[in-house]
Amino acid sequence: MRKNIVAGLMLAVAVSLSLAACEDTKARQENEQLKTQVAALQKENTELKNNIEGLTKENASLKEENESLKAKPAKKKPSKAKHRRRGSRRGAG
């Protein structure tokens, strides 16, 4: 009877160790996937920072250009000759 109990305990220990190893493998795989995702997100974050910097510089230059255009006096359009209408000559007969 003792042999059966010891054998059962040994079997339980072996099964639990194999399950723990399987879970450990799954955890490692998940950990590697998460590391890959983090690396991709960090790369994307760097690209987005570069885009923000470029857009900020472009925005600043456009603001400067806008201010310089506002500062220039507007060009006057050449005035067109006004046409005067003559009164009707009906009564001058």
C-alpha atoms as a PDB file:
ATOM      1  CA  MET A   1       0.000   0.000   0.000  1.00  0.00           C
ATOM      2  CA  ARG A   2       2.864   2.359   0.751  1.00  0.00           C
ATOM      3  CA  LYS A   3       4.302   1.666  -2.660  1.00  0.00           C
ATOM      4  CA  ASN A   4       1.028   2.707  -4.264  1.00  0.00           C
ATOM      5  CA  ILE A   5       0.952   5.981  -2.293  1.00  0.00           C
ATOM      6  CA  VAL A   6       4.577   6.735  -3.122  1.00  0.00           C
ATOM      7  CA  ALA A   7       3.991   5.868  -6.779  1.00  0.00           C
ATOM      8  CA  GLY A   8       0.909   8.097  -6.851  1.00  0.00           C
ATOM      9  CA  LEU A   9       2.840  10.976  -5.303  1.00  0.00           C
ATOM     10  CA  MET A  10       5.671  10.501  -7.771  1.00  0.00           C
ATOM     11  CA  LEU A  11       3.173  10.495 -10.627  1.00  0.00           C
ATOM     12  CA  ALA A  12       1.489  13.630  -9.287  1.00  0.00           C
ATOM     13  CA  VAL A  13       4.832  15.384  -8.922  1.00  0.00           C
ATOM     14  CA  ALA A  14       5.845  14.395 -12.470  1.00  0.00           C
ATOM     15  CA  VAL A  15       2.535  15.596 -13.912  1.00  0.00           C
ATOM     16  CA  SER A  16       2.670  18.885 -12.001  1.00  0.00           C
ATOM     17  CA  LEU A  17       6.262  19.508 -13.112  1.00  0.00           C
ATOM     18  CA  SER A  18       5.393  18.837 -16.730  1.00  0.00           C
ATOM     19  CA  LEU A  19       2.385  21.178 -16.479  1.00  0.00           C
ATOM     20  CA  ALA A  20       4.544  23.830 -14.858  1.00  0.00           C
ATOM     21  CA  ALA A  21       7.103  23.463 -17.632  1.00  0.00           C
ATOM     22  CA  CYS A  22       4.359  23.740 -20.236  1.00  0.00           C
ATOM     23  CA  GLU A  23       2.977  26.867 -18.579  1.00  0.00           C
ATOM     24  CA  ASP A  24       6.506  28.240 -18.320  1.00  0.00           C
ATOM     25  CA  THR A  25       6.986  27.656 -22.060  1.00  0.00           C
ATOM     26  CA  LYS A  26       3.705  29.418 -22.792  1.00  0.00           C
ATOM     27  CA  ALA A  27       4.735  32.303 -20.545  1.00  0.00           C
ATOM     28  CA  ARG A  28       8.072  32.554 -22.335  1.00  0.00           C
ATOM     29  CA  GLN A  29       6.398  32.578 -25.733  1.00  0.00           C
ATOM     30  CA  GLU A  30       3.953  35.234 -24.580  1.00  0.00           C
ATOM     31  CA  ASN A  31       6.837  37.217 -23.118  1.00  0.00           C
ATOM     32  CA  GLU A  32       8.697  37.107 -26.441  1.00  0.00           C
ATOM     33  CA  GLN A  33       5.571  38.213 -28.302  1.00  0.00           C
ATOM     34  CA  LEU A  34       5.129  41.106 -25.894  1.00  0.00           C
ATOM     35  CA  LYS A  35       8.772  42.108 -26.302  1.00  0.00           C
ATOM     36  CA  THR A  36       8.304  42.126 -30.072  1.00  0.00           C
ATOM     37  CA  GLN A  37       5.181  44.262 -29.741  1.00  0.00           C
ATOM     38  CA  VAL A  38       6.960  46.690 -27.404  1.00  0.00           C
ATOM     39  CA  ALA A  39       9.854  47.018 -29.849  1.00  0.00           C
ATOM     40  CA  ALA A  40       7.432  47.725 -32.704  1.00  0.00           C
ATOM     41  CA  LEU A  41       5.615  50.328 -30.609  1.00  0.00           C
ATOM     42  CA  GLN A  42       8.890  51.992 -29.648  1.00  0.00           C
ATOM     43  CA  LYS A  43       9.875  52.179 -33.320  1.00  0.00           C
ATOM     44  CA  GLU A  44       6.483  53.655 -34.211  1.00  0.00           C
ATOM     45  CA  ASN A  45       6.808  56.108 -31.316  1.00  0.00           C
ATOM     46  CA  THR A  46      10.175  57.279 -32.633  1.00  0.00           C
ATOM     47  CA  GLU A  47       8.741  57.731 -36.120  1.00  0.00           C
ATOM     48  CA  LEU A  48       5.811  59.712 -34.744  1.00  0.00           C
ATOM     49  CA  LYS A  49       8.162  61.944 -32.741  1.00  0.00           C
ATOM     50  CA  ASN A  50      10.126  62.642 -35.920  1.00  0.00           C
ATOM     51  CA  ASN A  51       6.892  63.462 -37.745  1.00  0.00           C
ATOM     52  CA  ILE A  52       5.861  65.832 -34.958  1.00  0.00           C
ATOM     53  CA  GLU A  53       9.226  67.586 -35.068  1.00  0.00           C
ATOM     54  CA  GLY A  54       8.993  67.998 -38.839  1.00  0.00           C
ATOM     55  CA  LEU A  55       5.440  69.300 -38.668  1.00  0.00           C
ATOM     56  CA  THR A  56       6.368  71.697 -35.871  1.00  0.00           C
ATOM     57  CA  LYS A  57       9.196  73.145 -37.963  1.00  0.00           C
ATOM     58  CA  GLU A  58       6.934  73.387 -40.997  1.00  0.00           C
ATOM     59  CA  ASN A  59       4.257  75.098 -38.907  1.00  0.00           C
ATOM     60  CA  ALA A  60       6.779  77.622 -37.593  1.00  0.00           C
ATOM     61  CA  SER A  61       8.011  78.457 -41.087  1.00  0.00           C
ATOM     62  CA  LEU A  62       4.445  78.831 -42.328  1.00  0.00           C
ATOM     63  CA  LYS A  63       3.671  81.173 -39.427  1.00  0.00           C
ATOM     64  CA  GLU A  64       6.706  83.275 -40.311  1.00  0.00           C
ATOM     65  CA  GLU A  65       5.678  83.362 -43.951  1.00  0.00           C
ATOM     66  CA  ASN A  66       2.141  84.331 -42.972  1.00  0.00           C
ATOM     67  CA  GLU A  67       3.397  87.156 -40.751  1.00  0.00           C
ATOM     68  CA  SER A  68       5.666  88.469 -43.498  1.00  0.00           C
ATOM     69  CA  LEU A  69       2.774  88.411 -45.955  1.00  0.00           C
ATOM     70  CA  LYS A  70       0.573  90.281 -43.502  1.00  0.00           C
ATOM     71  CA  ALA A  71       3.297  92.879 -43.002  1.00  0.00           C
ATOM     72  CA  LYS A  72       3.597  93.660 -46.722  1.00  0.00           C
ATOM     73  CA  PRO A  73       1.250  96.383 -47.928  1.00  0.00           C
ATOM     74  CA  ALA A  74      -1.449  95.124 -50.204  1.00  0.00           C
ATOM     75  CA  LYS A  75      -0.920  95.951 -53.853  1.00  0.00           C
ATOM     76  CA  LYS A  76      -3.404  98.465 -55.100  1.00  0.00           C
ATOM     77  CA  LYS A  77      -5.369  97.515 -58.136  1.00  0.00           C
ATOM     78  CA  PRO A  78      -5.161 100.026 -60.965  1.00  0.00           C
ATOM     79  CA  SER A  79      -8.218 102.202 -60.887  1.00  0.00           C
ATOM     80  CA  LYS A  80     -10.512 101.888 -63.827  1.00  0.00           C
ATOM     81  CA  ALA A  81     -11.732 105.053 -65.539  1.00  0.00           C
ATOM     82  CA  LYS A  82     -15.194 105.872 -64.372  1.00  0.00           C
ATOM     83  CA  HIS A  83     -17.702 106.155 -67.147  1.00  0.00           C
ATOM     84  CA  ARG A  84     -20.024 109.058 -66.787  1.00  0.00           C
ATOM     85  CA  ARG A  85     -23.418 108.816 -68.250  1.00  0.00           C
ATOM     86  CA  ARG A  86     -24.660 111.732 -70.135  1.00  0.00           C
ATOM     87  CA  GLY A  87     -28.108 112.941 -69.492  1.00  0.00           C
ATOM     88  CA  SER A  88     -30.653 112.307 -72.162  1.00  0.00           C
ATOM     89  CA  ARG A  89     -31.120 115.016 -74.757  1.00  0.00           C
ATOM     90  CA  ARG A  90     -34.754 114.503 -75.356  1.00  0.00           C
ATOM     91  CA  GLY A  91     -35.748 118.016 -74.591  1.00  0.00           C
ATOM     92  CA  ALA A  92     -33.001 119.639 -76.722  1.00  0.00           C
ATOM     93  CA  GLY A  93     -34.475 119.287 -79.929  1.00  0.00           C
END
